[in-house]
Amino acid sequence: MTCSPLKSIGTIHPNTASGMALAAARALAVLALGQNAHASALAPTACTIGDSTLWLLGMPLLAGLAMVAAFLGFKLQAHRASAARLAVMLERAASDARIPALEESGPADIAWVARAINTLGRRQAERQAQHLDVQAGYAHDLRTPLTRMGLRCEMLGDAEARKAMERDLAEMRELVEGSIACARMQHSLAEPLQRVDADGLIGNLVRNYRDSGRAIALDGCIGQPVVACPLALRRVLANLIDNALRYGTDVRVCARVDTTSLVLAVVDSGPGIRPAQIDAVLSPWVRGQQLQEGKPGSGLGLAISRRLVQAMQGELHLENRRSGGFEARLTLPLVVA
């Protein structure tokens, strides 16, 4: 009487490693023999395979399956960790004016996604820079006709009409200078971090204002070189000082160092800004209602300053002083050169 291949598997004890190995080996042997032999020849062949032989075949198979499962589990964990790291980097880049390059490491597909995002970011930055350069070119070309219009305006006999046109021309000049400042800001965003003599930079800036007849006080000092973007830092301070001189008096630049931060503040004794409008004036082309009365301005200075500060990984905070006046405070990470 011939035995069937299925009966040759025998009784399986799945609760033991040897039982699992034996079952795997028997199944593999029956499958292999069933594919390569006729059913009539299979039964005698299958019945001659002993349990010890099947156990020796099954143990490597079981070990191989365990290794494959461990490898797949490791790959899955690596993908999850790389995806989480990429998500964190994207979240940080979303709030950064200067989007840093993502790390192109980890599993191949995650690195491919990061590389694609970096390529897209570079192309977008190039297009934006081109548009701003065109905008700056148009704005620069407008300076000459505006100057001619100003000269012709002086020859008007009607004093009221002349004053009205001078106000319009002053507003147009502010818009032109604001457009040029936007293009300069874009170039400043790409400025690399470098060693900066902060005290020398602030001192020279304040000295230039004093030489032009502006009264500005300087309180405090940094006392050590720091790592920053010198052109961007100078532009931010100049914007804040110009705003303080335009809308207030008793302008002071205050410098100090905390444990982890470099703090620079420009304070004045002007009217300040209504609390409900403080966040709004940090947006482009927005001016506070109290700042619009008889004062020129394009509403770009604070918006440009905030973007430059963000590019340096810092914060720009505006607030009305309790003792009267206004304070614009710039806080940067303290990195000693």
Protein backbone atom coordinates (compact mmCIF):
# COMPACT_ATOMS: atom_id res chain seq x y z
CA MET A 1 0.00 0.00 0.00
CA THR A 2 1.46 3.35 -1.06
CA CYS A 3 1.25 6.36 1.21
CA SER A 4 0.19 9.78 -0.10
CA PRO A 5 2.52 12.81 0.03
CA LEU A 6 0.18 14.64 2.40
CA LYS A 7 0.22 11.76 4.86
CA SER A 8 3.98 11.76 4.83
CA ILE A 9 3.96 15.13 6.60
CA GLY A 10 2.89 13.38 9.76
CA THR A 11 1.94 14.89 13.06
CA ILE A 12 3.17 18.48 13.60
CA HIS A 13 4.02 19.99 16.97
CA PRO A 14 3.90 23.76 16.28
CA ASN A 15 4.72 24.67 19.87
CA THR A 16 8.37 23.65 19.48
CA ALA A 17 11.08 25.02 17.24
CA SER A 18 11.89 21.53 15.96
CA GLY A 19 8.25 20.94 15.13
CA MET A 20 8.03 24.16 13.15
CA ALA A 21 11.26 23.36 11.33
CA LEU A 22 10.08 19.84 10.60
CA ALA A 23 6.77 21.10 9.23
CA ALA A 24 8.51 23.65 7.02
CA ALA A 25 10.94 21.07 5.67
CA ARG A 26 8.20 18.53 4.95
CA ALA A 27 6.11 21.10 3.15
CA LEU A 28 9.12 22.17 1.10
CA ALA A 29 10.03 18.57 0.24
CA VAL A 30 6.48 17.65 -0.79
CA LEU A 31 6.23 20.82 -2.89
CA ALA A 32 9.55 20.20 -4.60
CA LEU A 33 8.88 16.51 -5.28
CA GLY A 34 5.36 17.19 -6.41
CA GLN A 35 6.61 19.64 -9.03
CA ASN A 36 9.33 17.34 -10.38
CA ALA A 37 7.83 13.86 -10.20
CA HIS A 38 4.70 11.99 -11.22
CA ALA A 39 2.19 11.26 -8.50
CA SER A 40 2.79 7.55 -8.81
CA ALA A 41 6.52 7.99 -8.20
CA LEU A 42 6.07 10.65 -5.51
CA ALA A 43 4.58 8.49 -2.78
CA PRO A 44 7.45 6.03 -2.42
CA THR A 45 10.00 8.80 -2.61
CA ALA A 46 8.21 10.99 -0.07
CA CYS A 47 7.84 8.15 2.38
CA THR A 48 11.58 7.48 2.43
CA ILE A 49 12.42 10.96 3.82
CA GLY A 50 13.04 10.69 7.53
CA ASP A 51 12.19 13.21 10.22
CA SER A 52 15.85 13.89 11.00
CA THR A 53 16.53 14.80 7.39
CA LEU A 54 13.47 17.01 7.24
CA TRP A 55 14.49 18.70 10.49
CA LEU A 56 17.95 19.47 9.10
CA LEU A 57 16.34 20.98 6.02
CA GLY A 58 13.79 22.95 8.01
CA MET A 59 16.09 24.70 10.45
CA PRO A 60 18.01 26.70 7.80
CA LEU A 61 14.71 27.55 6.15
CA LEU A 62 13.27 28.81 9.42
CA ALA A 63 16.44 30.78 10.15
CA GLY A 64 16.31 32.30 6.67
CA LEU A 65 12.71 33.36 7.14
CA ALA A 66 13.60 34.94 10.48
CA MET A 67 16.48 36.83 8.89
CA VAL A 68 14.23 38.10 6.07
CA ALA A 69 11.63 39.25 8.60
CA ALA A 70 14.30 41.02 10.68
CA PHE A 71 15.72 42.70 7.57
CA LEU A 72 12.29 43.90 6.44
CA GLY A 73 11.57 45.19 9.94
CA PHE A 74 14.87 47.08 10.01
CA LYS A 75 14.17 48.62 6.59
CA LEU A 76 10.71 49.68 7.72
CA GLN A 77 12.09 51.33 10.85
CA ALA A 78 14.76 53.11 8.79
CA HIS A 79 12.11 54.43 6.38
CA ARG A 80 9.92 55.65 9.23
CA ALA A 81 12.84 57.41 10.94
CA SER A 82 14.01 59.04 7.70
CA ALA A 83 10.48 60.15 6.81
CA ALA A 84 10.02 61.66 10.30
CA ARG A 85 13.36 63.46 10.03
CA LEU A 86 12.40 64.82 6.60
CA ALA A 87 9.05 66.03 7.95
CA VAL A 88 10.77 67.87 10.82
CA MET A 89 13.18 69.57 8.40
CA LEU A 90 10.28 70.63 6.16
CA GLU A 91 8.39 72.08 9.13
CA ARG A 92 11.45 74.10 10.12
CA ALA A 93 11.95 75.27 6.53
CA ALA A 94 8.31 76.39 6.32
CA SER A 95 8.92 79.09 8.94
CA ASP A 96 12.32 80.10 7.64
CA ALA A 97 12.76 82.98 5.21
CA ARG A 98 15.88 81.34 3.85
CA ILE A 99 14.97 77.70 3.21
CA PRO A 100 17.97 75.52 4.02
CA ALA A 101 18.94 72.53 1.90
CA LEU A 102 17.46 69.28 3.15
CA GLU A 103 19.78 66.44 4.07
CA GLU A 104 19.87 63.98 1.17
CA SER A 105 20.59 60.87 3.22
CA GLY A 106 18.82 57.78 4.48
CA PRO A 107 17.02 55.19 2.33
CA ALA A 108 17.19 55.69 -1.43
CA ASP A 109 13.57 56.76 -1.88
CA ILE A 110 13.69 59.23 1.03
CA ALA A 111 16.96 60.70 -0.29
CA TRP A 112 15.35 60.99 -3.72
CA VAL A 113 12.41 62.96 -2.28
CA ALA A 114 14.78 65.29 -0.39
CA ARG A 115 16.86 65.81 -3.53
CA ALA A 116 13.73 66.65 -5.54
CA ILE A 117 12.60 69.16 -2.89
CA ASN A 118 16.06 70.78 -2.88
CA THR A 119 16.02 71.09 -6.67
CA LEU A 120 12.55 72.64 -6.59
CA GLY A 121 13.63 75.10 -3.90
CA ARG A 122 16.68 76.20 -5.89
CA ARG A 123 14.62 76.75 -9.03
CA GLN A 124 11.99 78.74 -7.16
CA ALA A 125 14.69 80.89 -5.53
CA GLU A 126 16.27 81.54 -8.92
CA ARG A 127 12.94 82.57 -10.47
CA GLN A 128 12.13 84.82 -7.53
CA ALA A 129 15.55 86.46 -7.74
CA GLN A 130 15.07 87.08 -11.47
CA HIS A 131 11.66 88.68 -10.89
CA LEU A 132 13.03 90.91 -8.15
CA ASP A 133 15.96 91.94 -10.35
CA VAL A 134 13.52 92.99 -13.08
CA GLN A 135 11.43 94.85 -10.51
CA ALA A 136 14.52 96.61 -9.18
CA GLY A 137 15.57 97.53 -12.73
CA TYR A 138 12.22 99.16 -13.46
CA ALA A 139 12.28 100.96 -10.11
CA HIS A 140 15.82 102.20 -10.70
CA ASP A 141 14.86 103.54 -14.14
CA LEU A 142 11.99 105.49 -12.55
CA ARG A 143 14.41 107.56 -10.47
CA THR A 144 15.43 109.76 -13.41
CA PRO A 145 11.91 110.79 -14.54
CA LEU A 146 10.95 111.35 -10.90
CA THR A 147 13.91 113.70 -10.51
CA ARG A 148 12.87 115.63 -13.65
CA MET A 149 9.31 115.87 -12.37
CA GLY A 150 10.61 117.23 -9.07
CA LEU A 151 12.59 119.94 -10.86
CA ARG A 152 9.60 120.94 -12.98
CA CYS A 153 7.40 120.93 -9.91
CA GLU A 154 9.58 123.64 -8.36
CA MET A 155 8.74 125.94 -11.26
CA LEU A 156 4.99 125.83 -10.63
CA GLY A 157 3.55 129.19 -9.65
CA ASP A 158 0.64 127.78 -7.66
CA ALA A 159 2.02 127.07 -4.19
CA GLU A 160 -0.80 124.72 -3.20
CA ALA A 161 -0.50 122.68 -6.38
CA ARG A 162 3.26 122.55 -5.95
CA LYS A 163 2.98 121.20 -2.41
CA ALA A 164 0.42 118.60 -3.48
CA MET A 165 2.66 117.40 -6.29
CA GLU A 166 5.70 117.31 -4.02
CA ARG A 167 3.78 115.03 -1.62
CA ASP A 168 2.82 112.74 -4.50
CA LEU A 169 6.38 112.65 -5.77
CA ALA A 170 7.70 111.87 -2.29
CA GLU A 171 5.28 108.95 -2.04
CA MET A 172 6.35 107.67 -5.45
CA ARG A 173 10.01 107.86 -4.41
CA GLU A 174 9.22 105.81 -1.32
CA LEU A 175 7.62 103.12 -3.48
CA VAL A 176 10.59 103.10 -5.83
CA GLU A 177 13.08 102.83 -2.98
CA GLY A 178 10.96 100.11 -1.40
CA SER A 179 11.04 98.06 -4.60
CA ILE A 180 14.81 98.39 -4.78
CA ALA A 181 15.07 97.45 -1.11
CA CYS A 182 13.09 94.24 -1.81
CA ALA A 183 15.64 93.20 -4.43
CA ARG A 184 18.50 93.98 -2.05
CA MET A 185 16.81 91.96 0.64
CA GLN A 186 16.65 88.91 -1.62
CA HIS A 187 20.39 89.09 -2.14
CA SER A 188 20.90 89.51 1.61
CA LEU A 189 18.90 86.33 2.27
CA ALA A 190 21.61 84.38 0.45
CA GLU A 191 24.40 86.03 2.47
CA PRO A 192 26.49 83.44 4.33
CA LEU A 193 27.08 83.58 8.06
CA GLN A 194 30.50 84.91 9.00
CA ARG A 195 32.51 86.38 11.85
CA VAL A 196 31.30 89.90 12.63
CA ASP A 197 32.64 92.61 14.91
CA ALA A 198 29.20 93.59 16.16
CA ASP A 199 30.42 96.54 18.24
CA GLY A 200 32.36 97.93 15.29
CA LEU A 201 29.37 97.50 12.94
CA ILE A 202 26.95 99.22 15.31
CA GLY A 203 29.43 101.95 16.20
CA ASN A 204 30.12 102.80 12.54
CA LEU A 205 26.40 102.86 11.76
CA VAL A 206 25.62 105.21 14.65
CA ARG A 207 28.60 107.39 13.73
CA ASN A 208 27.30 107.78 10.16
CA TYR A 209 23.95 109.01 11.46
CA ARG A 210 25.64 111.44 13.82
CA ASP A 211 27.82 112.78 10.99
CA SER A 212 24.65 113.53 9.01
CA GLY A 213 23.28 115.59 11.91
CA ARG A 214 21.04 112.94 13.52
CA ALA A 215 21.15 112.61 17.30
CA ILE A 216 21.40 108.92 18.22
CA ALA A 217 22.58 107.48 21.53
CA LEU A 218 24.32 104.12 21.93
CA ASP A 219 23.90 102.13 25.15
CA GLY A 220 25.77 98.95 25.98
CA CYS A 221 28.10 96.75 23.94
CA ILE A 222 28.55 93.18 22.80
CA GLY A 223 32.17 92.81 23.84
CA GLN A 224 33.02 89.91 21.53
CA PRO A 225 32.86 88.94 17.85
CA VAL A 226 29.77 86.98 16.83
CA VAL A 227 28.62 84.93 13.84
CA ALA A 228 25.97 86.71 11.74
CA CYS A 229 25.21 88.15 8.30
CA PRO A 230 26.85 91.61 8.40
CA LEU A 231 25.00 93.20 5.45
CA ALA A 232 21.63 91.89 6.61
CA LEU A 233 22.28 92.96 10.20
CA ARG A 234 23.30 96.44 9.10
CA ARG A 235 20.23 96.77 6.88
CA VAL A 236 17.89 95.70 9.68
CA LEU A 237 19.38 98.19 12.13
CA ALA A 238 19.28 100.96 9.52
CA ASN A 239 15.59 100.27 8.81
CA LEU A 240 14.72 100.33 12.51
CA ILE A 241 16.73 103.51 13.12
CA ASP A 242 15.15 105.24 10.11
CA ASN A 243 11.69 104.38 11.41
CA ALA A 244 12.55 105.67 14.88
CA LEU A 245 13.93 108.95 13.48
CA ARG A 246 10.94 109.38 11.19
CA TYR A 247 8.22 108.89 13.78
CA GLY A 248 9.88 109.61 17.11
CA THR A 249 12.60 111.46 18.99
CA ASP A 250 15.29 110.59 21.53
CA VAL A 251 16.43 107.57 19.50
CA ARG A 252 18.74 105.10 21.22
CA VAL A 253 20.37 101.86 20.14
CA CYS A 254 20.75 99.40 23.03
CA ALA A 255 23.03 96.35 22.84
CA ARG A 256 23.43 93.52 25.33
CA VAL A 257 24.25 89.83 25.51
CA ASP A 258 22.22 87.19 27.34
CA THR A 259 23.28 83.64 28.04
CA THR A 260 22.24 82.37 24.61
CA SER A 261 21.14 85.49 22.72
CA LEU A 262 22.39 88.72 21.22
CA VAL A 263 19.81 91.44 21.85
CA LEU A 264 19.75 94.73 19.91
CA ALA A 265 16.95 97.24 20.49
CA VAL A 266 16.08 100.56 18.86
CA VAL A 267 13.90 102.69 21.14
CA ASP A 268 12.34 106.12 20.73
CA SER A 269 9.88 108.45 22.47
CA GLY A 270 7.42 108.70 19.59
CA PRO A 271 3.68 107.94 19.56
CA GLY A 272 4.16 104.21 19.06
CA ILE A 273 1.70 101.92 17.26
CA ARG A 274 -1.76 100.87 18.28
CA PRO A 275 -1.56 97.41 19.88
CA ALA A 276 -4.07 95.95 17.43
CA GLN A 277 -1.85 96.98 14.51
CA ILE A 278 1.55 95.77 15.74
CA ASP A 279 1.33 92.41 13.97
CA ALA A 280 -0.11 93.96 10.82
CA VAL A 281 2.73 96.46 10.30
CA LEU A 282 5.14 93.54 9.88
CA SER A 283 3.39 92.68 6.60
CA PRO A 284 4.53 94.28 3.31
CA TRP A 285 2.93 97.59 2.26
CA VAL A 286 1.13 98.01 5.59
CA ARG A 287 1.55 101.10 7.76
CA GLY A 288 0.02 101.84 11.12
CA GLN A 289 -2.77 104.38 11.12
CA GLN A 290 -0.83 106.60 13.51
CA LEU A 291 2.17 106.49 11.16
CA GLN A 292 0.31 107.64 8.06
CA GLU A 293 -0.49 111.15 9.17
CA GLY A 294 1.85 113.47 7.31
CA LYS A 295 4.79 111.05 7.26
CA PRO A 296 6.28 109.49 4.12
CA GLY A 297 6.80 105.77 3.95
CA SER A 298 6.05 102.69 1.87
CA GLY A 299 5.27 100.18 4.61
CA LEU A 300 8.14 97.89 3.62
CA GLY A 301 10.83 98.67 6.19
CA LEU A 302 9.55 96.46 9.02
CA ALA A 303 8.49 93.65 6.67
CA ILE A 304 11.97 93.55 5.12
CA SER A 305 13.57 93.68 8.56
CA ARG A 306 11.56 90.73 9.80
CA ARG A 307 12.45 88.57 6.80
CA LEU A 308 16.13 89.37 7.18
CA VAL A 309 16.00 88.60 10.90
CA GLN A 310 14.29 85.27 10.21
CA ALA A 311 17.00 84.47 7.67
CA MET A 312 19.52 84.89 10.50
CA GLN A 313 17.46 82.51 12.70
CA GLY A 314 16.37 85.39 14.92
CA GLU A 315 13.20 87.18 15.99
CA LEU A 316 11.94 90.74 15.66
CA HIS A 317 9.62 91.93 18.42
CA LEU A 318 7.72 95.23 18.44
CA GLU A 319 6.10 96.78 21.49
CA ASN A 320 5.00 100.07 22.96
CA ARG A 321 7.09 101.07 25.96
CA ARG A 322 5.36 101.52 29.29
CA SER A 323 7.20 104.79 29.85
CA GLY A 324 6.12 106.03 26.41
CA GLY A 325 7.57 105.57 22.97
CA PHE A 326 8.26 102.49 20.92
CA GLU A 327 10.79 99.64 20.95
CA ALA A 328 11.87 97.35 18.12
CA ARG A 329 13.91 94.49 19.59
CA LEU A 330 16.07 92.17 17.54
CA THR A 331 17.11 88.86 19.13
CA LEU A 332 19.69 86.62 17.45
CA PRO A 333 21.23 83.32 18.58
CA LEU A 334 24.54 84.01 20.26
CA VAL A 335 27.27 82.22 18.33
CA VAL A 336 30.69 83.38 19.48
CA ALA A 337 33.20 83.57 16.63
